[in-house]
Every structure is written in C-alpha cells, then in structure tokens.
Amino acid sequence: MKQLVEQKGLDDRFVIDSAGTGAYHVGEAADARSAQAALRKGVTLTSLARQFVEQDFDAFDYIVAMDRKNLAHLQRLARRQSDRDKLSLLRTFEAEANGLDVPDPYFEDNFDDVFEICKSGCEGLLEHILRERGVAS
C-alpha cells in the first residue's frame, strides 16, 4: 500500500501501518518468505510486527482485515459503532474477489500469489479512498 501511495505522490497525505490481532511475532521483521516475495516485485518490507490496540481506532480512518477471523476479532475490540464503521476486508476492494479472505501463505507456501492478491486489494482500496475523499488520482 505504501508503494502505491508513493507512486501517486500522495505519501504526505497517508499514514499507513500494519498490525496483527495476535501478539505472536511482535517486534519481528516480516517473515523471510514474505520479504522475498515482495522484493521480487520491487517492494521492500521494513515494518516490525505489532499488535493492534484499541487506540488504533482513533488513529486510523480505515482498518482493513485480511480474513473474516481477524475481522471478527477487530469487531469485538470495537468500542462503538464509529469504530466498526472503519472495518472492512481487504478483498472487498478487489473487483473479482467479492470479499473472500486473503489466504494464509504460511500453510500453502504461496507467498507470491498472496502478494499479488494483497496488491490487487490495496489498489482497489486506494481507489476507494481517493473516490470517497474526492482526491483525483
């Protein structure tokens, strides 16, 4: 998502972060297989894992989950309707995916495929945000 925003010259208008619903890998860099798949597409993953916290509802306008299990977890953390209104699934922004879950690459070792799915979802999400906010792309 960061690279897509930078390519449009809008990086000064976005704050983009990533967080998991669990604390499994807090403080760790991306899995080497994820990092390699991204690098093959010209993207460098630099963030360290962190866990989503309730304050993220205040800090971000869009909170996007990769799958329904994580979306349900985020819905339980929501404090009010305005928090829930910020939640969505990434693949709802991908025209042909119709809200499917992003597959977990760790079980099927399909990191390149998952990168492409996430890229497509992020492209749709960015277009949605720009349309919703009235920003020309």
C-alpha atoms as a PDB file:
ATOM      1  CA  MET A   1       0.000   0.000   0.000  1.00  0.00           C
ATOM      2  CA  LYS A   2       2.820   2.378   0.864  1.00  0.00           C
ATOM      3  CA  GLN A   3       4.418   1.931  -2.545  1.00  0.00           C
ATOM      4  CA  LEU A   4       1.097   2.508  -4.332  1.00  0.00           C
ATOM      5  CA  VAL A   5       0.530   5.729  -2.387  1.00  0.00           C
ATOM      6  CA  GLU A   6       4.103   6.888  -3.055  1.00  0.00           C
ATOM      7  CA  GLN A   7       3.719   6.190  -6.787  1.00  0.00           C
ATOM      8  CA  LYS A   8       0.746   8.577  -6.855  1.00  0.00           C
ATOM      9  CA  GLY A   9       2.734  11.220  -4.962  1.00  0.00           C
ATOM     10  CA  LEU A  10       0.310  11.121  -2.043  1.00  0.00           C
ATOM     11  CA  ASP A  11       2.553   9.760   0.706  1.00  0.00           C
ATOM     12  CA  ASP A  12       2.350  13.055   2.618  1.00  0.00           C
ATOM     13  CA  ARG A  13      -1.439  12.551   2.895  1.00  0.00           C
ATOM     14  CA  PHE A  14      -1.439   8.998   4.267  1.00  0.00           C
ATOM     15  CA  VAL A  15      -0.369   7.257   7.442  1.00  0.00           C
ATOM     16  CA  ILE A  16      -0.131   3.540   6.730  1.00  0.00           C
ATOM     17  CA  ASP A  17       0.617   0.892   9.309  1.00  0.00           C
ATOM     18  CA  SER A  18       0.199  -2.820   9.782  1.00  0.00           C
ATOM     19  CA  ALA A  19      -0.777  -4.693  12.925  1.00  0.00           C
ATOM     20  CA  GLY A  20      -1.861  -8.197  13.800  1.00  0.00           C
ATOM     21  CA  THR A  21      -4.663  -9.222  16.111  1.00  0.00           C
ATOM     22  CA  GLY A  22      -2.329 -11.599  17.942  1.00  0.00           C
ATOM     23  CA  ALA A  23       0.998 -10.951  19.649  1.00  0.00           C
ATOM     24  CA  TYR A  24       2.795 -13.901  18.062  1.00  0.00           C
ATOM     25  CA  HIS A  25       5.588 -12.008  16.315  1.00  0.00           C
ATOM     26  CA  VAL A  26       5.610  -8.568  17.968  1.00  0.00           C
ATOM     27  CA  GLY A  27       8.879  -6.772  17.267  1.00  0.00           C
ATOM     28  CA  GLU A  28       9.929  -9.110  14.468  1.00  0.00           C
ATOM     29  CA  ALA A  29      10.575  -8.211  10.837  1.00  0.00           C
ATOM     30  CA  ALA A  30       8.475  -9.768   8.082  1.00  0.00           C
ATOM     31  CA  ASP A  31       8.853 -13.489   7.501  1.00  0.00           C
ATOM     32  CA  ALA A  32      11.760 -14.047   5.118  1.00  0.00           C
ATOM     33  CA  ARG A  33       9.488 -15.719   2.553  1.00  0.00           C
ATOM     34  CA  SER A  34       7.121 -12.722   2.582  1.00  0.00           C
ATOM     35  CA  ALA A  35      10.020 -10.315   2.316  1.00  0.00           C
ATOM     36  CA  GLN A  36      11.491 -12.254  -0.621  1.00  0.00           C
ATOM     37  CA  ALA A  37       8.144 -12.401  -2.458  1.00  0.00           C
ATOM     38  CA  ALA A  38       7.738  -8.643  -2.022  1.00  0.00           C
ATOM     39  CA  LEU A  39      11.313  -7.937  -3.068  1.00  0.00           C
ATOM     40  CA  ARG A  40      10.789  -9.927  -6.278  1.00  0.00           C
ATOM     41  CA  LYS A  41       8.051  -7.360  -7.060  1.00  0.00           C
ATOM     42  CA  GLY A  42      10.230  -4.384  -6.145  1.00  0.00           C
ATOM     43  CA  VAL A  43       8.785  -3.811  -2.673  1.00  0.00           C
ATOM     44  CA  THR A  44      10.887  -3.753   0.486  1.00  0.00           C
ATOM     45  CA  LEU A  45       9.067  -4.666   3.683  1.00  0.00           C
ATOM     46  CA  THR A  46      10.504  -2.582   6.516  1.00  0.00           C
ATOM     47  CA  SER A  47       7.955  -2.599   9.314  1.00  0.00           C
ATOM     48  CA  LEU A  48       8.182  -4.619  12.501  1.00  0.00           C
ATOM     49  CA  ALA A  49       5.224  -6.644  13.712  1.00  0.00           C
ATOM     50  CA  ARG A  50       3.000  -5.077  16.331  1.00  0.00           C
ATOM     51  CA  GLN A  51      -0.347  -5.942  17.851  1.00  0.00           C
ATOM     52  CA  PHE A  52      -3.480  -3.946  17.096  1.00  0.00           C
ATOM     53  CA  VAL A  53      -4.638  -1.851  20.071  1.00  0.00           C
ATOM     54  CA  GLU A  54      -7.936  -0.063  20.711  1.00  0.00           C
ATOM     55  CA  GLN A  55      -6.250   3.321  20.189  1.00  0.00           C
ATOM     56  CA  ASP A  56      -5.746   2.356  16.536  1.00  0.00           C
ATOM     57  CA  PHE A  57      -9.459   3.039  16.070  1.00  0.00           C
ATOM     58  CA  ASP A  58      -8.695   6.669  16.910  1.00  0.00           C
ATOM     59  CA  ALA A  59      -5.517   6.869  14.841  1.00  0.00           C
ATOM     60  CA  PHE A  60      -6.809   5.448  11.530  1.00  0.00           C
ATOM     61  CA  ASP A  61      -9.767   6.101   9.235  1.00  0.00           C
ATOM     62  CA  TYR A  62      -9.629   2.680   7.545  1.00  0.00           C
ATOM     63  CA  ILE A  63      -8.878  -0.589   9.316  1.00  0.00           C
ATOM     64  CA  VAL A  64      -8.615  -3.459   6.904  1.00  0.00           C
ATOM     65  CA  ALA A  65      -8.512  -7.145   7.840  1.00  0.00           C
ATOM     66  CA  MET A  66      -7.086  -9.936   5.706  1.00  0.00           C
ATOM     67  CA  ASP A  67      -9.709 -12.502   6.670  1.00  0.00           C
ATOM     68  CA  ARG A  68     -13.007 -12.958   8.462  1.00  0.00           C
ATOM     69  CA  LYS A  69     -11.415 -14.404  11.611  1.00  0.00           C
ATOM     70  CA  ASN A  70      -9.324 -11.250  12.130  1.00  0.00           C
ATOM     71  CA  LEU A  71     -12.253  -9.047  11.141  1.00  0.00           C
ATOM     72  CA  ALA A  72     -14.387 -10.708  13.838  1.00  0.00           C
ATOM     73  CA  HIS A  73     -11.612 -10.133  16.380  1.00  0.00           C
ATOM     74  CA  LEU A  74     -11.462  -6.442  15.421  1.00  0.00           C
ATOM     75  CA  GLN A  75     -15.249  -6.176  15.637  1.00  0.00           C
ATOM     76  CA  ARG A  76     -15.076  -7.480  19.225  1.00  0.00           C
ATOM     77  CA  LEU A  77     -12.435  -4.860  20.055  1.00  0.00           C
ATOM     78  CA  ALA A  78     -14.544  -2.040  18.620  1.00  0.00           C
ATOM     79  CA  ARG A  79     -15.803   0.261  21.350  1.00  0.00           C
ATOM     80  CA  ARG A  80     -18.623   1.888  19.402  1.00  0.00           C
ATOM     81  CA  GLN A  81     -20.316   1.937  16.005  1.00  0.00           C
ATOM     82  CA  SER A  82     -17.888   4.512  14.617  1.00  0.00           C
ATOM     83  CA  ASP A  83     -15.061   2.015  15.265  1.00  0.00           C
ATOM     84  CA  ARG A  84     -16.976  -0.775  13.493  1.00  0.00           C
ATOM     85  CA  ASP A  85     -17.667   1.541  10.543  1.00  0.00           C
ATOM     86  CA  LYS A  86     -13.907   1.721   9.875  1.00  0.00           C
ATOM     87  CA  LEU A  87     -13.578  -2.051   9.462  1.00  0.00           C
ATOM     88  CA  SER A  88     -13.524  -3.953   6.190  1.00  0.00           C
ATOM     89  CA  LEU A  89     -11.989  -6.954   4.461  1.00  0.00           C
ATOM     90  CA  LEU A  90      -9.184  -6.221   2.007  1.00  0.00           C
ATOM     91  CA  ARG A  91     -10.702  -8.317  -0.752  1.00  0.00           C
ATOM     92  CA  THR A  92     -13.942  -6.327  -0.742  1.00  0.00           C
ATOM     93  CA  PHE A  93     -11.909  -3.790  -2.716  1.00  0.00           C
ATOM     94  CA  GLU A  94     -10.816  -6.370  -5.286  1.00  0.00           C
ATOM     95  CA  ALA A  95     -13.409  -6.465  -8.065  1.00  0.00           C
ATOM     96  CA  GLU A  96     -13.495 -10.202  -8.700  1.00  0.00           C
ATOM     97  CA  ALA A  97     -12.797 -11.480  -5.182  1.00  0.00           C
ATOM     98  CA  ASN A  98     -16.131 -10.375  -3.764  1.00  0.00           C
ATOM     99  CA  GLY A  99     -14.936 -10.250  -0.165  1.00  0.00           C
ATOM    100  CA  LEU A 100     -13.024 -13.512   0.006  1.00  0.00           C
ATOM    101  CA  ASP A 101     -10.376 -13.999   2.660  1.00  0.00           C
ATOM    102  CA  VAL A 102      -6.726 -13.459   1.786  1.00  0.00           C
ATOM    103  CA  PRO A 103      -5.276 -16.973   2.014  1.00  0.00           C
ATOM    104  CA  ASP A 104      -2.675 -17.619   4.687  1.00  0.00           C
ATOM    105  CA  PRO A 105       0.618 -18.157   2.827  1.00  0.00           C
ATOM    106  CA  TYR A 106       2.237 -19.973   5.740  1.00  0.00           C
ATOM    107  CA  PHE A 107       0.118 -23.085   5.269  1.00  0.00           C
ATOM    108  CA  GLU A 108       0.305 -23.369   1.500  1.00  0.00           C
ATOM    109  CA  ASP A 109       3.662 -21.683   0.835  1.00  0.00           C
ATOM    110  CA  ASN A 110       2.105 -19.396  -1.793  1.00  0.00           C
ATOM    111  CA  PHE A 111       3.749 -16.113  -0.838  1.00  0.00           C
ATOM    112  CA  ASP A 112       3.969 -14.790  -4.401  1.00  0.00           C
ATOM    113  CA  ASP A 113       0.262 -15.427  -5.007  1.00  0.00           C
ATOM    114  CA  VAL A 114      -0.686 -13.801  -1.714  1.00  0.00           C
ATOM    115  CA  PHE A 115       1.466 -10.774  -2.543  1.00  0.00           C
ATOM    116  CA  GLU A 116      -0.469 -10.336  -5.810  1.00  0.00           C
ATOM    117  CA  ILE A 117      -3.816 -10.728  -4.003  1.00  0.00           C
ATOM    118  CA  CYS A 118      -2.809  -8.098  -1.445  1.00  0.00           C
ATOM    119  CA  LYS A 119      -1.528  -5.764  -4.168  1.00  0.00           C
ATOM    120  CA  SER A 120      -4.814  -6.037  -6.048  1.00  0.00           C
ATOM    121  CA  GLY A 121      -6.802  -5.415  -2.871  1.00  0.00           C
ATOM    122  CA  CYS A 122      -4.629  -2.420  -1.982  1.00  0.00           C
ATOM    123  CA  GLU A 123      -5.069  -0.950  -5.467  1.00  0.00           C
ATOM    124  CA  GLY A 124      -8.835  -1.204  -5.045  1.00  0.00           C
ATOM    125  CA  LEU A 125      -8.678   0.174  -1.510  1.00  0.00           C
ATOM    126  CA  LEU A 126      -6.618   3.152  -2.633  1.00  0.00           C
ATOM    127  CA  GLU A 127      -9.048   3.930  -5.462  1.00  0.00           C
ATOM    128  CA  HIS A 128     -11.939   3.640  -2.976  1.00  0.00           C
ATOM    129  CA  ILE A 129     -10.271   6.051  -0.547  1.00  0.00           C
ATOM    130  CA  LEU A 130      -9.448   8.549  -3.291  1.00  0.00           C
ATOM    131  CA  ARG A 131     -13.019   8.400  -4.631  1.00  0.00           C
ATOM    132  CA  GLU A 132     -14.535   8.669  -1.149  1.00  0.00           C
ATOM    133  CA  ARG A 133     -12.311  11.606  -0.222  1.00  0.00           C
ATOM    134  CA  GLY A 134     -12.677  13.345  -3.595  1.00  0.00           C
ATOM    135  CA  VAL A 135      -8.985  13.150  -4.436  1.00  0.00           C
ATOM    136  CA  ALA A 136      -8.027  12.935  -8.107  1.00  0.00           C
ATOM    137  CA  SER A 137      -5.710  10.019  -8.824  1.00  0.00           C
END
